[in-house]
Amino acid sequence: MTITKRVTFIAKPDGIQMMKKLLTAMVNPSKAEDGCIFYEIFQYKNKPEKFMAYESWRDESALDGHKASAHYEVYKSSYEPYCLEKYSDELEVLG
């Protein structure tokens, strides 16, 4: 079953540029992973401190592989000092 997630990040006022750098560094390596269907980072124009990661994976195994990757570990161990809030939704494909 395909897994699609939307993760929202609110950067601290002095952490916007570092959040952008950390999140955009995830895009190309994530897209290259086996089982990645879609992976993009968006920054809101009217709220530059707000970012959204939108990702879709072939199945739970592919998502687990992503979470075990070196680039995910760098992000996971680095983002908290720059992030005020983080929340996520798992989306269900209808039909």
C-alpha atoms as a PDB file:
ATOM      1  CA  MET A   1       0.000   0.000   0.000  1.00  0.00           C
ATOM      2  CA  THR A   2       1.319   3.447  -0.951  1.00  0.00           C
ATOM      3  CA  ILE A   3       2.144   5.746   1.971  1.00  0.00           C
ATOM      4  CA  THR A   4       1.792   9.491   1.471  1.00  0.00           C
ATOM      5  CA  LYS A   5       2.737  11.981   4.165  1.00  0.00           C
ATOM      6  CA  ARG A   6       2.631  15.716   4.620  1.00  0.00           C
ATOM      7  CA  VAL A   7       4.994  17.087   7.254  1.00  0.00           C
ATOM      8  CA  THR A   8       4.801  20.741   8.259  1.00  0.00           C
ATOM      9  CA  PHE A   9       7.676  22.597   9.905  1.00  0.00           C
ATOM     10  CA  ILE A  10       7.541  26.029  11.497  1.00  0.00           C
ATOM     11  CA  ALA A  11      11.043  27.463  11.748  1.00  0.00           C
ATOM     12  CA  LYS A  12      12.208  29.719  14.536  1.00  0.00           C
ATOM     13  CA  PRO A  13      12.627  33.309  13.269  1.00  0.00           C
ATOM     14  CA  ASP A  14      16.429  32.992  13.294  1.00  0.00           C
ATOM     15  CA  GLY A  15      16.326  29.435  11.898  1.00  0.00           C
ATOM     16  CA  ILE A  16      14.529  29.915   8.576  1.00  0.00           C
ATOM     17  CA  GLN A  17      17.633  29.699   6.377  1.00  0.00           C
ATOM     18  CA  MET A  18      19.031  26.644   8.184  1.00  0.00           C
ATOM     19  CA  MET A  19      15.664  24.840   8.032  1.00  0.00           C
ATOM     20  CA  LYS A  20      15.518  25.566   4.313  1.00  0.00           C
ATOM     21  CA  LYS A  21      19.051  24.237   3.855  1.00  0.00           C
ATOM     22  CA  LEU A  22      18.414  21.048   5.881  1.00  0.00           C
ATOM     23  CA  LEU A  23      15.089  20.291   4.224  1.00  0.00           C
ATOM     24  CA  THR A  24      16.175  20.954   0.638  1.00  0.00           C
ATOM     25  CA  ALA A  25      19.264  18.770   1.195  1.00  0.00           C
ATOM     26  CA  MET A  26      16.845  15.850   1.657  1.00  0.00           C
ATOM     27  CA  VAL A  27      15.165  16.135  -1.750  1.00  0.00           C
ATOM     28  CA  ASN A  28      17.622  14.609  -4.245  1.00  0.00           C
ATOM     29  CA  PRO A  29      18.872  11.732  -2.061  1.00  0.00           C
ATOM     30  CA  SER A  30      15.292  10.864  -1.073  1.00  0.00           C
ATOM     31  CA  LYS A  31      14.128  10.863  -4.699  1.00  0.00           C
ATOM     32  CA  ALA A  32      16.966   8.465  -5.523  1.00  0.00           C
ATOM     33  CA  GLU A  33      15.840   5.924  -2.918  1.00  0.00           C
ATOM     34  CA  ASP A  34      14.165   2.685  -3.917  1.00  0.00           C
ATOM     35  CA  GLY A  35      10.416   3.066  -3.424  1.00  0.00           C
ATOM     36  CA  CYS A  36      10.257   6.868  -3.501  1.00  0.00           C
ATOM     37  CA  ILE A  37       7.325   7.959  -5.670  1.00  0.00           C
ATOM     38  CA  PHE A  38       7.364  11.677  -4.848  1.00  0.00           C
ATOM     39  CA  TYR A  39       9.389  13.899  -2.515  1.00  0.00           C
ATOM     40  CA  GLU A  40       9.333  17.692  -2.508  1.00  0.00           C
ATOM     41  CA  ILE A  41       9.770  20.521  -0.021  1.00  0.00           C
ATOM     42  CA  PHE A  42       7.625  23.647  -0.240  1.00  0.00           C
ATOM     43  CA  GLN A  43       8.101  26.993   1.499  1.00  0.00           C
ATOM     44  CA  TYR A  44       5.041  29.190   1.956  1.00  0.00           C
ATOM     45  CA  LYS A  45       5.391  32.560   0.178  1.00  0.00           C
ATOM     46  CA  ASN A  46       3.289  34.463   2.701  1.00  0.00           C
ATOM     47  CA  LYS A  47       4.872  32.721   5.721  1.00  0.00           C
ATOM     48  CA  PRO A  48       8.561  32.066   4.975  1.00  0.00           C
ATOM     49  CA  GLU A  49       8.999  30.326   8.329  1.00  0.00           C
ATOM     50  CA  LYS A  50       6.555  27.590   7.249  1.00  0.00           C
ATOM     51  CA  PHE A  51       7.727  24.592   5.217  1.00  0.00           C
ATOM     52  CA  MET A  52       5.910  21.493   4.038  1.00  0.00           C
ATOM     53  CA  ALA A  53       7.479  18.196   3.022  1.00  0.00           C
ATOM     54  CA  TYR A  54       5.198  16.166   0.770  1.00  0.00           C
ATOM     55  CA  GLU A  55       6.334  12.594   0.211  1.00  0.00           C
ATOM     56  CA  SER A  56       4.948   9.381  -1.182  1.00  0.00           C
ATOM     57  CA  TRP A  57       6.453   5.904  -0.810  1.00  0.00           C
ATOM     58  CA  ARG A  58       5.688   2.585  -2.490  1.00  0.00           C
ATOM     59  CA  ASP A  59       5.067   0.855   0.856  1.00  0.00           C
ATOM     60  CA  GLU A  60       6.026   0.723   4.541  1.00  0.00           C
ATOM     61  CA  SER A  61       9.295  -1.025   3.709  1.00  0.00           C
ATOM     62  CA  ALA A  62      10.362   1.839   1.421  1.00  0.00           C
ATOM     63  CA  LEU A  63       9.500   4.405   4.101  1.00  0.00           C
ATOM     64  CA  ASP A  64      11.459   2.392   6.679  1.00  0.00           C
ATOM     65  CA  GLY A  65      14.439   2.367   4.302  1.00  0.00           C
ATOM     66  CA  HIS A  66      14.176   6.144   3.994  1.00  0.00           C
ATOM     67  CA  LYS A  67      14.178   6.524   7.777  1.00  0.00           C
ATOM     68  CA  ALA A  68      17.315   4.364   7.967  1.00  0.00           C
ATOM     69  CA  SER A  69      19.238   6.401   5.363  1.00  0.00           C
ATOM     70  CA  ALA A  70      22.294   8.518   6.144  1.00  0.00           C
ATOM     71  CA  HIS A  71      20.707  11.736   4.844  1.00  0.00           C
ATOM     72  CA  TYR A  72      17.631  11.186   7.043  1.00  0.00           C
ATOM     73  CA  GLU A  73      19.910  10.739  10.067  1.00  0.00           C
ATOM     74  CA  VAL A  74      21.673  14.053   9.312  1.00  0.00           C
ATOM     75  CA  TYR A  75      18.328  15.853   9.074  1.00  0.00           C
ATOM     76  CA  LYS A  76      16.875  14.115  12.167  1.00  0.00           C
ATOM     77  CA  SER A  77      19.886  14.961  14.320  1.00  0.00           C
ATOM     78  CA  SER A  78      20.124  18.577  13.106  1.00  0.00           C
ATOM     79  CA  TYR A  79      16.723  20.213  12.630  1.00  0.00           C
ATOM     80  CA  GLU A  80      15.472  20.706  16.215  1.00  0.00           C
ATOM     81  CA  PRO A  81      17.520  23.840  17.110  1.00  0.00           C
ATOM     82  CA  TYR A  82      15.949  25.649  14.129  1.00  0.00           C
ATOM     83  CA  CYS A  83      12.399  24.325  14.408  1.00  0.00           C
ATOM     84  CA  LEU A  84       9.663  25.837  16.557  1.00  0.00           C
ATOM     85  CA  GLU A  85       6.995  23.259  15.659  1.00  0.00           C
ATOM     86  CA  LYS A  86       6.622  20.091  13.562  1.00  0.00           C
ATOM     87  CA  TYR A  87       3.510  18.073  12.782  1.00  0.00           C
ATOM     88  CA  SER A  88       2.541  15.491  10.198  1.00  0.00           C
ATOM     89  CA  ASP A  89      -0.426  13.879   8.533  1.00  0.00           C
ATOM     90  CA  GLU A  90      -0.598  10.576   6.751  1.00  0.00           C
ATOM     91  CA  LEU A  91      -2.837  10.916   3.728  1.00  0.00           C
ATOM     92  CA  GLU A  92      -5.062   8.191   2.359  1.00  0.00           C
ATOM     93  CA  VAL A  93      -5.553   7.711  -1.364  1.00  0.00           C
ATOM     94  CA  LEU A  94      -9.217   7.351  -2.199  1.00  0.00           C
ATOM     95  CA  GLY A  95     -10.575   5.149  -4.926  1.00  0.00           C
END
